[in-house]
PDB file of all heavy atoms in Angstrom:
ATOM      1  N   ARG A   1     111.589 116.363 105.989  1.00  0.00           N
ATOM      2  CA  ARG A   1     110.930 116.952 104.813  1.00  0.00           C
ATOM      3  C   ARG A   1     109.927 116.003 104.218  1.00  0.00           C
ATOM      4  O   ARG A   1     108.855 116.385 103.752  1.00  0.00           O
ATOM      5  CB  ARG A   1     111.988 117.309 103.762  1.00  0.00           C
ATOM      6  CG  ARG A   1     112.957 118.394 104.185  1.00  0.00           C
ATOM      7  CD  ARG A   1     114.025 118.593 103.121  1.00  0.00           C
ATOM      8  NE  ARG A   1     114.810 117.385 102.918  1.00  0.00           N
ATOM      9  CZ  ARG A   1     115.620 117.195 101.870  1.00  0.00           C
ATOM     10  NH1 ARG A   1     115.696 118.115 100.918  1.00  0.00           N
ATOM     11  NH2 ARG A   1     116.321 116.084 101.771  1.00  0.00           N
ATOM     12  N   MET A   2     110.262 114.714 104.240  1.00  0.00           N
ATOM     13  CA  MET A   2     109.372 113.725 103.665  1.00  0.00           C
ATOM     14  C   MET A   2     108.107 113.579 104.499  1.00  0.00           C
ATOM     15  O   MET A   2     107.015 113.406 103.969  1.00  0.00           O
ATOM     16  CB  MET A   2     110.079 112.372 103.556  1.00  0.00           C
ATOM     17  CG  MET A   2     109.189 111.285 103.002  1.00  0.00           C
ATOM     18  SD  MET A   2     109.998 109.691 103.019  1.00  0.00           S
ATOM     19  CE  MET A   2     108.553 108.673 102.694  1.00  0.00           C
ATOM     20  N   VAL A   3     108.270 113.639 105.829  1.00  0.00           N
ATOM     21  CA  VAL A   3     107.103 113.486 106.712  1.00  0.00           C
ATOM     22  C   VAL A   3     106.050 114.532 106.373  1.00  0.00           C
ATOM     23  O   VAL A   3     104.854 114.216 106.235  1.00  0.00           O
ATOM     24  CB  VAL A   3     107.531 113.599 108.191  1.00  0.00           C
ATOM     25  CG1 VAL A   3     106.310 113.590 109.102  1.00  0.00           C
ATOM     26  CG2 VAL A   3     108.460 112.451 108.553  1.00  0.00           C
ATOM     27  N   SER A   4     106.477 115.767 106.201  1.00  0.00           N
ATOM     28  CA  SER A   4     105.510 116.833 105.920  1.00  0.00           C
ATOM     29  C   SER A   4     104.991 116.762 104.496  1.00  0.00           C
ATOM     30  O   SER A   4     103.796 116.920 104.254  1.00  0.00           O
ATOM     31  CB  SER A   4     106.150 118.199 106.190  1.00  0.00           C
ATOM     32  OG  SER A   4     107.308 118.372 105.379  1.00  0.00           O
ATOM     33  N   ARG A   5     105.872 116.502 103.538  1.00  0.00           N
ATOM     34  CA  ARG A   5     105.437 116.495 102.136  1.00  0.00           C
ATOM     35  C   ARG A   5     104.538 115.312 101.822  1.00  0.00           C
ATOM     36  O   ARG A   5     103.635 115.411 100.995  1.00  0.00           O
ATOM     37  CB  ARG A   5     106.654 116.464 101.214  1.00  0.00           C
ATOM     38  CG  ARG A   5     107.490 117.731 101.258  1.00  0.00           C
ATOM     39  CD  ARG A   5     108.635 117.651 100.272  1.00  0.00           C
ATOM     40  NE  ARG A   5     109.550 118.771 100.422  1.00  0.00           N
ATOM     41  CZ  ARG A   5     110.618 118.969  99.640  1.00  0.00           C
ATOM     42  NH1 ARG A   5     110.893 118.111  98.675  1.00  0.00           N
ATOM     43  NH2 ARG A   5     111.398 120.012  99.849  1.00  0.00           N
ATOM     44  N   ALA A   6     104.820 114.151 102.455  1.00  0.00           N
ATOM     45  CA  ALA A   6     104.034 112.958 102.157  1.00  0.00           C
ATOM     46  C   ALA A   6     102.794 112.844 103.029  1.00  0.00           C
ATOM     47  O   ALA A   6     101.967 111.959 102.824  1.00  0.00           O
ATOM     48  CB  ALA A   6     104.901 111.709 102.341  1.00  0.00           C
ATOM     49  N   GLY A   7     102.669 113.716 104.041  1.00  0.00           N
ATOM     50  CA  GLY A   7     101.511 113.655 104.904  1.00  0.00           C
ATOM     51  C   GLY A   7     101.486 112.432 105.793  1.00  0.00           C
ATOM     52  O   GLY A   7     100.414 111.881 106.081  1.00  0.00           O
ATOM     53  N   LEU A   8     102.667 111.988 106.238  1.00  0.00           N
ATOM     54  CA  LEU A   8     102.736 110.809 107.094  1.00  0.00           C
ATOM     55  C   LEU A   8     102.246 111.133 108.499  1.00  0.00           C
ATOM     56  O   LEU A   8     102.448 112.241 109.016  1.00  0.00           O
ATOM     57  CB  LEU A   8     104.180 110.302 107.165  1.00  0.00           C
ATOM     58  CG  LEU A   8     104.775 109.734 105.871  1.00  0.00           C
ATOM     59  CD1 LEU A   8     106.260 109.463 106.052  1.00  0.00           C
ATOM     60  CD2 LEU A   8     104.056 108.461 105.462  1.00  0.00           C
ATOM     61  N   LYS A   9     101.591 110.163 109.129  1.00  0.00           N
ATOM     62  CA  LYS A   9     101.106 110.339 110.497  1.00  0.00           C
ATOM     63  C   LYS A   9     102.246 110.205 111.501  1.00  0.00           C
ATOM     64  O   LYS A   9     102.206 110.798 112.562  1.00  0.00           O
ATOM     65  CB  LYS A   9     100.030 109.306 110.806  1.00  0.00           C
ATOM     66  CG  LYS A   9      98.761 109.466 109.967  1.00  0.00           C
ATOM     67  CD  LYS A   9      97.737 108.398 110.342  1.00  0.00           C
ATOM     68  CE  LYS A   9      96.470 108.543 109.504  1.00  0.00           C
ATOM     69  NZ  LYS A   9      95.463 107.511 109.853  1.00  0.00           N
ATOM     70  N   SER A  10     103.240 109.372 111.162  1.00  0.00           N
ATOM     71  CA  SER A  10     104.330 109.108 112.081  1.00  0.00           C
ATOM     72  C   SER A  10     105.580 109.863 111.660  1.00  0.00           C
ATOM     73  O   SER A  10     105.907 109.935 110.475  1.00  0.00           O
ATOM     74  CB  SER A  10     104.634 107.610 112.141  1.00  0.00           C
ATOM     75  OG  SER A  10     105.727 107.368 113.004  1.00  0.00           O
ATOM     76  N   ALA A  11     106.263 110.436 112.670  1.00  0.00           N
ATOM     77  CA  ALA A  11     107.518 111.128 112.396  1.00  0.00           C
ATOM     78  C   ALA A  11     108.712 110.212 112.634  1.00  0.00           C
ATOM     79  O   ALA A  11     109.856 110.612 112.430  1.00  0.00           O
ATOM     80  CB  ALA A  11     107.639 112.366 113.271  1.00  0.00           C
ATOM     81  N   GLN A  12     108.452 108.989 113.068  1.00  0.00           N
ATOM     82  CA  GLN A  12     109.515 108.020 113.318  1.00  0.00           C
ATOM     83  C   GLN A  12     109.194 106.720 112.599  1.00  0.00           C
ATOM     84  O   GLN A  12     108.030 106.391 112.373  1.00  0.00           O
ATOM     85  CB  GLN A  12     109.676 107.749 114.813  1.00  0.00           C
ATOM     86  CG  GLN A  12     110.196 108.929 115.609  1.00  0.00           C
ATOM     87  CD  GLN A  12     110.382 108.580 117.065  1.00  0.00           C
ATOM     88  OE1 GLN A  12     109.596 107.849 117.645  1.00  0.00           O
ATOM     89  NE2 GLN A  12     111.447 109.102 117.673  1.00  0.00           N
ATOM     90  N   GLY A  13     110.255 105.980 112.243  1.00  0.00           N
ATOM     91  CA  GLY A  13     110.071 104.705 111.562  1.00  0.00           C
ATOM     92  C   GLY A  13     111.250 104.402 110.664  1.00  0.00           C
ATOM     93  O   GLY A  13     112.254 105.130 110.646  1.00  0.00           O
ATOM     94  N   ALA A  14     111.146 103.328 109.913  1.00  0.00           N
ATOM     95  CA  ALA A  14     112.194 102.915 108.980  1.00  0.00           C
ATOM     96  C   ALA A  14     111.641 102.988 107.566  1.00  0.00           C
ATOM     97  O   ALA A  14     110.679 102.283 107.231  1.00  0.00           O
ATOM     98  CB  ALA A  14     112.676 101.506 109.293  1.00  0.00           C
ATOM     99  N   LEU A  15     112.220 103.825 106.753  1.00  0.00           N
ATOM    100  CA  LEU A  15     111.776 103.994 105.378  1.00  0.00           C
ATOM    101  C   LEU A  15     112.335 102.890 104.503  1.00  0.00           C
ATOM    102  O   LEU A  15     113.553 102.643 104.499  1.00  0.00           O
ATOM    103  CB  LEU A  15     112.229 105.354 104.845  1.00  0.00           C
ATOM    104  CG  LEU A  15     112.006 105.618 103.350  1.00  0.00           C
ATOM    105  CD1 LEU A  15     110.521 105.679 103.032  1.00  0.00           C
ATOM    106  CD2 LEU A  15     112.713 106.906 102.922  1.00  0.00           C
ATOM    107  N   VAL A  16     111.487 102.189 103.783  1.00  0.00           N
ATOM    108  CA  VAL A  16     111.917 101.178 102.817  1.00  0.00           C
ATOM    109  C   VAL A  16     112.356 101.904 101.549  1.00  0.00           C
ATOM    110  O   VAL A  16     111.553 102.555 100.886  1.00  0.00           O
ATOM    111  CB  VAL A  16     110.783 100.178 102.506  1.00  0.00           C
ATOM    112  CG1 VAL A  16     111.245  99.179 101.435  1.00  0.00           C
ATOM    113  CG2 VAL A  16     110.361  99.439 103.771  1.00  0.00           C
ATOM    114  N   THR A  17     113.640 101.795 101.213  1.00  0.00           N
ATOM    115  CA  THR A  17     114.175 102.492 100.040  1.00  0.00           C
ATOM    116  C   THR A  17     114.367 101.588  98.834  1.00  0.00           C
ATOM    117  O   THR A  17     114.414 102.066  97.702  1.00  0.00           O
ATOM    118  CB  THR A  17     115.514 103.168 100.369  1.00  0.00           C
ATOM    119  OG1 THR A  17     116.442 102.160 100.801  1.00  0.00           O
ATOM    120  CG2 THR A  17     115.330 104.193 101.471  1.00  0.00           C
ATOM    121  N   ASP A  18     114.507 100.272  99.076  1.00  0.00           N
ATOM    122  CA  ASP A  18     114.696  99.351  97.959  1.00  0.00           C
ATOM    123  C   ASP A  18     114.336  97.942  98.411  1.00  0.00           C
ATOM    124  O   ASP A  18     114.552  97.585  99.575  1.00  0.00           O
ATOM    125  CB  ASP A  18     116.152  99.381  97.474  1.00  0.00           C
ATOM    126  CG  ASP A  18     116.320  98.759  96.091  1.00  0.00           C
ATOM    127  OD1 ASP A  18     115.297  98.567  95.401  1.00  0.00           O
ATOM    128  OD2 ASP A  18     117.469  98.473  95.712  1.00  0.00           O
ATOM    129  N   VAL A  19     113.800  97.139  97.497  1.00  0.00           N
ATOM    130  CA  VAL A  19     113.447  95.754  97.764  1.00  0.00           C
ATOM    131  C   VAL A  19     113.977  94.899  96.630  1.00  0.00           C
ATOM    132  O   VAL A  19     113.714  95.175  95.453  1.00  0.00           O
ATOM    133  CB  VAL A  19     111.911  95.569  97.897  1.00  0.00           C
ATOM    134  CG1 VAL A  19     111.563  94.098  98.081  1.00  0.00           C
ATOM    135  CG2 VAL A  19     111.376  96.381  99.062  1.00  0.00           C
ATOM    136  N   LEU A  20     114.749  93.865  96.969  1.00  0.00           N
ATOM    137  CA  LEU A  20     115.341  93.013  95.944  1.00  0.00           C
ATOM    138  C   LEU A  20     114.311  92.064  95.360  1.00  0.00           C
ATOM    139  O   LEU A  20     113.520  91.457  96.104  1.00  0.00           O
ATOM    140  CB  LEU A  20     116.493  92.192  96.519  1.00  0.00           C
ATOM    141  CG  LEU A  20     117.706  92.983  96.998  1.00  0.00           C
ATOM    142  CD1 LEU A  20     118.740  92.037  97.579  1.00  0.00           C
ATOM    143  CD2 LEU A  20     118.305  93.772  95.855  1.00  0.00           C
ATOM    144  N   PRO A  21     114.310  91.893  94.037  1.00  0.00           N
ATOM    145  CA  PRO A  21     113.380  90.943  93.407  1.00  0.00           C
ATOM    146  C   PRO A  21     113.588  89.532  93.934  1.00  0.00           C
ATOM    147  O   PRO A  21     114.723  89.070  94.084  1.00  0.00           O
ATOM    148  CB  PRO A  21     113.746  91.040  91.917  1.00  0.00           C
ATOM    149  CG  PRO A  21     114.414  92.365  91.761  1.00  0.00           C
ATOM    150  CD  PRO A  21     115.132  92.603  93.047  1.00  0.00           C
ATOM    151  N   GLY A  22     112.506  88.840  94.252  1.00  0.00           N
ATOM    152  CA  GLY A  22     112.573  87.461  94.709  1.00  0.00           C
ATOM    153  C   GLY A  22     112.983  87.295  96.154  1.00  0.00           C
ATOM    154  O   GLY A  22     113.116  86.170  96.636  1.00  0.00           O
ATOM    155  N   SER A  23     113.162  88.389  96.890  1.00  0.00           N
ATOM    156  CA  SER A  23     113.627  88.324  98.274  1.00  0.00           C
ATOM    157  C   SER A  23     112.457  88.100  99.234  1.00  0.00           C
ATOM    158  O   SER A  23     111.282  88.275  98.876  1.00  0.00           O
ATOM    159  CB  SER A  23     114.333  89.629  98.642  1.00  0.00           C
ATOM    160  OG  SER A  23     113.397  90.704  98.641  1.00  0.00           O
ATOM    161  N   PRO A  24     112.741  87.709 100.502  1.00  0.00           N
ATOM    162  CA  PRO A  24     111.673  87.606 101.501  1.00  0.00           C
ATOM    163  C   PRO A  24     110.896  88.908 101.658  1.00  0.00           C
ATOM    164  O   PRO A  24     109.685  88.892 101.898  1.00  0.00           O
ATOM    165  CB  PRO A  24     112.441  87.243 102.783  1.00  0.00           C
ATOM    166  CG  PRO A  24     113.652  86.516 102.302  1.00  0.00           C
ATOM    167  CD  PRO A  24     114.041  87.221 101.029  1.00  0.00           C
ATOM    168  N   ALA A  25     111.585  90.051 101.527  1.00  0.00           N
ATOM    169  CA  ALA A  25     110.896  91.335 101.645  1.00  0.00           C
ATOM    170  C   ALA A  25     109.876  91.520 100.527  1.00  0.00           C
ATOM    171  O   ALA A  25     108.764  92.010 100.751  1.00  0.00           O
ATOM    172  CB  ALA A  25     111.916  92.472 101.631  1.00  0.00           C
ATOM    173  N   GLU A  26     110.234  91.117  99.309  1.00  0.00           N
ATOM    174  CA  GLU A  26     109.277  91.236  98.204  1.00  0.00           C
ATOM    175  C   GLU A  26     108.095  90.292  98.405  1.00  0.00           C
ATOM    176  O   GLU A  26     106.939  90.656  98.138  1.00  0.00           O
ATOM    177  CB  GLU A  26     109.961  90.935  96.867  1.00  0.00           C
ATOM    178  CG  GLU A  26     109.025  91.168  95.675  1.00  0.00           C
ATOM    179  CD  GLU A  26     109.631  90.706  94.363  1.00  0.00           C
ATOM    180  OE1 GLU A  26     110.023  89.531  94.272  1.00  0.00           O
ATOM    181  OE2 GLU A  26     109.681  91.528  93.427  1.00  0.00           O
ATOM    182  N   ARG A  27     108.394  89.073  98.911  1.00  0.00           N
ATOM    183  CA  ARG A  27     107.302  88.127  99.154  1.00  0.00           C
ATOM    184  C   ARG A  27     106.365  88.609 100.258  1.00  0.00           C
ATOM    185  O   ARG A  27     105.196  88.215 100.302  1.00  0.00           O
ATOM    186  CB  ARG A  27     107.888  86.745  99.497  1.00  0.00           C
ATOM    187  CG  ARG A  27     108.615  86.083  98.326  1.00  0.00           C
ATOM    188  CD  ARG A  27     108.902  84.610  98.601  1.00  0.00           C
ATOM    189  NE  ARG A  27     109.936  84.416  99.599  1.00  0.00           N
ATOM    190  CZ  ARG A  27     111.223  84.336  99.323  1.00  0.00           C
ATOM    191  NH1 ARG A  27     111.653  84.454  98.062  1.00  0.00           N
ATOM    192  NH2 ARG A  27     112.124  84.142 100.295  1.00  0.00           N
ATOM    193  N   ALA A  28     106.883  89.475 101.144  1.00  0.00           N
ATOM    194  CA  ALA A  28     106.034  90.049 102.191  1.00  0.00           C
ATOM    195  C   ALA A  28     105.290  91.284 101.692  1.00  0.00           C
ATOM    196  O   ALA A  28     104.587  91.935 102.467  1.00  0.00           O
ATOM    197  CB  ALA A  28     106.885  90.414 103.402  1.00  0.00           C
ATOM    198  N   ASP A  29     105.433  91.593 100.414  1.00  0.00           N
ATOM    199  CA  ASP A  29     104.754  92.726  99.786  1.00  0.00           C
ATOM    200  C   ASP A  29     105.218  94.066 100.354  1.00  0.00           C
ATOM    201  O   ASP A  29     104.447  95.020 100.423  1.00  0.00           O
ATOM    202  CB  ASP A  29     103.231  92.598  99.916  1.00  0.00           C
ATOM    203  CG  ASP A  29     102.489  93.443  98.867  1.00  0.00           C
ATOM    204  OD1 ASP A  29     103.090  93.723  97.813  1.00  0.00           O
ATOM    205  OD2 ASP A  29     101.331  93.819  99.120  1.00  0.00           O
ATOM    206  N   LEU A  30     106.503  94.119 100.756  1.00  0.00           N
ATOM    207  CA  LEU A  30     107.087  95.411 101.097  1.00  0.00           C
ATOM    208  C   LEU A  30     107.499  96.119  99.813  1.00  0.00           C
ATOM    209  O   LEU A  30     108.005  95.490  98.887  1.00  0.00           O
ATOM    210  CB  LEU A  30     108.300  95.219 102.009  1.00  0.00           C
ATOM    211  CG  LEU A  30     108.032  94.672 103.413  1.00  0.00           C
ATOM    212  CD1 LEU A  30     109.339  94.494 104.162  1.00  0.00           C
ATOM    213  CD2 LEU A  30     107.095  95.578 104.184  1.00  0.00           C
ATOM    214  N   LYS A  31     107.290  97.430  99.793  1.00  0.00           N
ATOM    215  CA  LYS A  31     107.598  98.209  98.590  1.00  0.00           C
ATOM    216  C   LYS A  31     108.333  99.486  98.984  1.00  0.00           C
ATOM    217  O   LYS A  31     108.121 100.029 100.080  1.00  0.00           O
ATOM    218  CB  LYS A  31     106.318  98.556  97.833  1.00  0.00           C
ATOM    219  CG  LYS A  31     105.621  97.362  97.201  1.00  0.00           C
ATOM    220  CD  LYS A  31     104.369  97.794  96.443  1.00  0.00           C
ATOM    221  CE  LYS A  31     103.783  96.642  95.632  1.00  0.00           C
ATOM    222  NZ  LYS A  31     103.390  95.503  96.494  1.00  0.00           N
ATOM    223  N   PRO A  32     109.204  99.973  98.085  1.00  0.00           N
ATOM    224  CA  PRO A  32     109.875 101.244  98.358  1.00  0.00           C
ATOM    225  C   PRO A  32     108.854 102.344  98.610  1.00  0.00           C
ATOM    226  O   PRO A  32     107.830 102.449  97.928  1.00  0.00           O
ATOM    227  CB  PRO A  32     110.666 101.505  97.065  1.00  0.00           C
ATOM    228  CG  PRO A  32     110.896 100.145  96.489  1.00  0.00           C
ATOM    229  CD  PRO A  32     109.667  99.363  96.812  1.00  0.00           C
ATOM    230  N   GLY A  33     109.132 103.166  99.620  1.00  0.00           N
ATOM    231  CA  GLY A  33     108.216 104.244  99.984  1.00  0.00           C
ATOM    232  C   GLY A  33     107.399 103.938 101.211  1.00  0.00           C
ATOM    233  O   GLY A  33     106.900 104.860 101.867  1.00  0.00           O
ATOM    234  N   MET A  34     107.248 102.666 101.528  1.00  0.00           N
ATOM    235  CA  MET A  34     106.556 102.309 102.766  1.00  0.00           C
ATOM    236  C   MET A  34     107.425 102.678 103.970  1.00  0.00           C
ATOM    237  O   MET A  34     108.659 102.661 103.887  1.00  0.00           O
ATOM    238  CB  MET A  34     106.257 100.811 102.807  1.00  0.00           C
ATOM    239  CG  MET A  34     105.213 100.351 101.825  1.00  0.00           C
ATOM    240  SD  MET A  34     104.928  98.551 101.993  1.00  0.00           S
ATOM    241  CE  MET A  34     103.529  98.346 100.881  1.00  0.00           C
ATOM    242  N   VAL A  35     106.758 102.973 105.087  1.00  0.00           N
ATOM    243  CA  VAL A  35     107.463 103.266 106.330  1.00  0.00           C
ATOM    244  C   VAL A  35     107.042 102.237 107.368  1.00  0.00           C
ATOM    245  O   VAL A  35     105.852 102.112 107.687  1.00  0.00           O
ATOM    246  CB  VAL A  35     107.151 104.682 106.842  1.00  0.00           C
ATOM    247  CG1 VAL A  35     107.882 104.936 108.164  1.00  0.00           C
ATOM    248  CG2 VAL A  35     107.535 105.719 105.811  1.00  0.00           C
ATOM    249  N   VAL A  36     108.004 101.473 107.870  1.00  0.00           N
ATOM    250  CA  VAL A  36     107.713 100.480 108.897  1.00  0.00           C
ATOM    251  C   VAL A  36     107.673 101.198 110.242  1.00  0.00           C
ATOM    252  O   VAL A  36     108.673 101.774 110.684  1.00  0.00           O
ATOM    253  CB  VAL A  36     108.772  99.358 108.920  1.00  0.00           C
ATOM    254  CG1 VAL A  36     108.433  98.334 110.001  1.00  0.00           C
ATOM    255  CG2 VAL A  36     108.859  98.689 107.555  1.00  0.00           C
ATOM    256  N   VAL A  37     106.505 101.187 110.898  1.00  0.00           N
ATOM    257  CA  VAL A  37     106.331 101.920 112.150  1.00  0.00           C
ATOM    258  C   VAL A  37     106.235 100.986 113.355  1.00  0.00           C
ATOM    259  O   VAL A  37     106.399 101.444 114.492  1.00  0.00           O
ATOM    260  CB  VAL A  37     105.078 102.824 112.081  1.00  0.00           C
ATOM    261  CG1 VAL A  37     105.283 103.909 111.026  1.00  0.00           C
ATOM    262  CG2 VAL A  37     103.828 102.010 111.787  1.00  0.00           C
ATOM    263  N   GLU A  38     105.953  99.674 113.105  1.00  0.00           N
ATOM    264  CA  GLU A  38     105.894  98.715 114.201  1.00  0.00           C
ATOM    265  C   GLU A  38     106.479  97.383 113.739  1.00  0.00           C
ATOM    266  O   GLU A  38     106.363  97.018 112.567  1.00  0.00           O
ATOM    267  CB  GLU A  38     104.450  98.475 114.672  1.00  0.00           C
ATOM    268  CG  GLU A  38     103.821  99.618 115.429  1.00  0.00           C
ATOM    269  CD  GLU A  38     102.417  99.260 115.909  1.00  0.00           C
ATOM    270  OE1 GLU A  38     102.049  98.059 115.857  1.00  0.00           O
ATOM    271  OE2 GLU A  38     101.688 100.176 116.330  1.00  0.00           O
TER     272      GLU A  38
END
């Protein structure tokens, strides 16, 4: 449902749902809602 509603190009990937403050993920500028495709 999200793929169609959000207009994503990829139907596969890992959805980022949460990022902890001060974590390596936050320092890499990952944000909730992004989809990691590679």
